[in-house]
Amino acid sequence: MAADPKPDWLSCLPSSWSYGVTRDGRIFFINEEAKSTTWLHPVTGEAVITGHRKTPDLPTGWEEGYTFEGARCFIKLAAAQRCGNATK
């Protein structure tokens, strides 16, 4: 299944806000007007959890993720393929 090109948390950002992604995959929000940042979504007040993160021990182009059931998996970014399921 392909990722939603415009997830709900992105479509409801106020006009003066944008977002960024850290090197390890965490999403943060930027208030362009106030020149400030936060981990919490400006509307919902909650952090956005993508379930993916880049780690230095993975090869370039891969990131770690978790299924809805909590199983660890690895995602190849170029093709968005899931593989390497492992138990918790």
C-alpha atoms as a PDB file:
ATOM      1  CA  MET A   1       0.000   0.000   0.000  1.00  0.00           C
ATOM      2  CA  ALA A   2       1.404   3.411  -0.933  1.00  0.00           C
ATOM      3  CA  ALA A   3       1.728   6.182   1.614  1.00  0.00           C
ATOM      4  CA  ASP A   4      -0.955   8.861   1.632  1.00  0.00           C
ATOM      5  CA  PRO A   5       0.525  11.770  -0.397  1.00  0.00           C
ATOM      6  CA  LYS A   6      -1.236  14.292   1.861  1.00  0.00           C
ATOM      7  CA  PRO A   7      -1.953  12.823   5.296  1.00  0.00           C
ATOM      8  CA  ASP A   8      -4.599  14.376   7.579  1.00  0.00           C
ATOM      9  CA  TRP A   9      -2.013  16.013   9.844  1.00  0.00           C
ATOM     10  CA  LEU A  10      -0.569  17.862   6.833  1.00  0.00           C
ATOM     11  CA  SER A  11      -3.853  18.965   5.287  1.00  0.00           C
ATOM     12  CA  CYS A  12      -4.994  20.657   8.512  1.00  0.00           C
ATOM     13  CA  LEU A  13      -1.835  22.736   9.127  1.00  0.00           C
ATOM     14  CA  PRO A  14      -2.602  26.448   9.577  1.00  0.00           C
ATOM     15  CA  SER A  15      -1.277  28.664   6.772  1.00  0.00           C
ATOM     16  CA  SER A  16       1.595  30.130   8.822  1.00  0.00           C
ATOM     17  CA  TRP A  17       2.921  26.658   9.715  1.00  0.00           C
ATOM     18  CA  SER A  18       5.146  24.211   7.858  1.00  0.00           C
ATOM     19  CA  TYR A  19       6.904  21.034   8.906  1.00  0.00           C
ATOM     20  CA  GLY A  20      10.335  19.449   8.858  1.00  0.00           C
ATOM     21  CA  VAL A  21      11.776  15.982   9.362  1.00  0.00           C
ATOM     22  CA  THR A  22      14.826  15.249  11.498  1.00  0.00           C
ATOM     23  CA  ARG A  23      17.604  12.936  10.313  1.00  0.00           C
ATOM     24  CA  ASP A  24      16.110  10.100  12.337  1.00  0.00           C
ATOM     25  CA  GLY A  25      12.636  10.579  10.829  1.00  0.00           C
ATOM     26  CA  ARG A  26      10.793  12.573  13.513  1.00  0.00           C
ATOM     27  CA  ILE A  27       8.356  15.204  12.287  1.00  0.00           C
ATOM     28  CA  PHE A  28       8.404  18.691  13.815  1.00  0.00           C
ATOM     29  CA  PHE A  29       6.371  21.795  13.097  1.00  0.00           C
ATOM     30  CA  ILE A  30       7.598  25.293  12.241  1.00  0.00           C
ATOM     31  CA  ASN A  31       5.636  28.423  13.062  1.00  0.00           C
ATOM     32  CA  GLU A  32       6.917  30.769  10.342  1.00  0.00           C
ATOM     33  CA  GLU A  33       5.214  33.776  11.919  1.00  0.00           C
ATOM     34  CA  ALA A  34       6.618  33.327  15.440  1.00  0.00           C
ATOM     35  CA  LYS A  35       9.919  31.775  14.224  1.00  0.00           C
ATOM     36  CA  SER A  36       9.514  28.816  16.569  1.00  0.00           C
ATOM     37  CA  THR A  37       9.344  25.020  16.358  1.00  0.00           C
ATOM     38  CA  THR A  38       7.522  22.289  18.264  1.00  0.00           C
ATOM     39  CA  TRP A  39       7.113  18.498  18.214  1.00  0.00           C
ATOM     40  CA  LEU A  40       3.353  18.927  18.700  1.00  0.00           C
ATOM     41  CA  HIS A  41       0.908  19.531  15.851  1.00  0.00           C
ATOM     42  CA  PRO A  42      -0.447  23.114  16.149  1.00  0.00           C
ATOM     43  CA  VAL A  43      -4.083  21.998  15.762  1.00  0.00           C
ATOM     44  CA  THR A  44      -4.254  18.587  17.447  1.00  0.00           C
ATOM     45  CA  GLY A  45      -1.605  19.221  20.102  1.00  0.00           C
ATOM     46  CA  GLU A  46      -0.195  15.727  19.495  1.00  0.00           C
ATOM     47  CA  ALA A  47       3.105  14.490  18.097  1.00  0.00           C
ATOM     48  CA  VAL A  48       2.990  12.861  14.662  1.00  0.00           C
ATOM     49  CA  ILE A  49       4.225   9.287  14.850  1.00  0.00           C
ATOM     50  CA  THR A  50       5.252   7.990  11.428  1.00  0.00           C
ATOM     51  CA  GLY A  51       6.364   4.573  12.611  1.00  0.00           C
ATOM     52  CA  HIS A  52       9.534   4.958  10.548  1.00  0.00           C
ATOM     53  CA  ARG A  53      12.973   6.004  11.604  1.00  0.00           C
ATOM     54  CA  LYS A  54      16.389   6.095  10.035  1.00  0.00           C
ATOM     55  CA  THR A  55      19.180   4.563  12.073  1.00  0.00           C
ATOM     56  CA  PRO A  56      22.919   4.761  11.457  1.00  0.00           C
ATOM     57  CA  ASP A  57      23.300   0.966  11.478  1.00  0.00           C
ATOM     58  CA  LEU A  58      21.071   0.471   8.409  1.00  0.00           C
ATOM     59  CA  PRO A  59      22.374   0.659   4.835  1.00  0.00           C
ATOM     60  CA  THR A  60      21.736   3.863   2.885  1.00  0.00           C
ATOM     61  CA  GLY A  61      18.186   3.943   1.502  1.00  0.00           C
ATOM     62  CA  TRP A  62      16.649   1.818   4.276  1.00  0.00           C
ATOM     63  CA  GLU A  63      14.736   2.711   7.419  1.00  0.00           C
ATOM     64  CA  GLU A  64      13.233   0.798  10.284  1.00  0.00           C
ATOM     65  CA  GLY A  65       9.484   0.647  10.792  1.00  0.00           C
ATOM     66  CA  TYR A  66       6.819  -1.201  12.722  1.00  0.00           C
ATOM     67  CA  THR A  67       3.599  -2.776  11.507  1.00  0.00           C
ATOM     68  CA  PHE A  68       0.270  -1.979  13.180  1.00  0.00           C
ATOM     69  CA  GLU A  69       0.691  -5.272  15.038  1.00  0.00           C
ATOM     70  CA  GLY A  70       4.054  -4.107  16.410  1.00  0.00           C
ATOM     71  CA  ALA A  71       6.319  -6.330  14.302  1.00  0.00           C
ATOM     72  CA  ARG A  72       9.621  -4.760  13.303  1.00  0.00           C
ATOM     73  CA  CYS A  73      10.210  -4.403   9.564  1.00  0.00           C
ATOM     74  CA  PHE A  74      12.599  -2.641   7.213  1.00  0.00           C
ATOM     75  CA  ILE A  75      11.590  -0.305   4.405  1.00  0.00           C
ATOM     76  CA  LYS A  76      13.606   0.320   1.264  1.00  0.00           C
ATOM     77  CA  LEU A  77      12.921   3.988   0.541  1.00  0.00           C
ATOM     78  CA  ALA A  78      13.456   4.038  -3.212  1.00  0.00           C
ATOM     79  CA  ALA A  79      10.853   1.350  -3.905  1.00  0.00           C
ATOM     80  CA  ALA A  80       8.869   1.590  -0.633  1.00  0.00           C
ATOM     81  CA  GLN A  81       9.145  -2.183  -0.236  1.00  0.00           C
ATOM     82  CA  ARG A  82       8.689  -3.823   3.139  1.00  0.00           C
ATOM     83  CA  CYS A  83      10.837  -6.778   4.057  1.00  0.00           C
ATOM     84  CA  GLY A  84      12.805  -8.385   6.851  1.00  0.00           C
ATOM     85  CA  ASN A  85       9.974  -8.818   9.357  1.00  0.00           C
ATOM     86  CA  ALA A  86      11.286  -9.782  12.765  1.00  0.00           C
ATOM     87  CA  THR A  87       9.629 -10.526  16.057  1.00  0.00           C
ATOM     88  CA  LYS A  88       9.579  -8.013  18.894  1.00  0.00           C
END
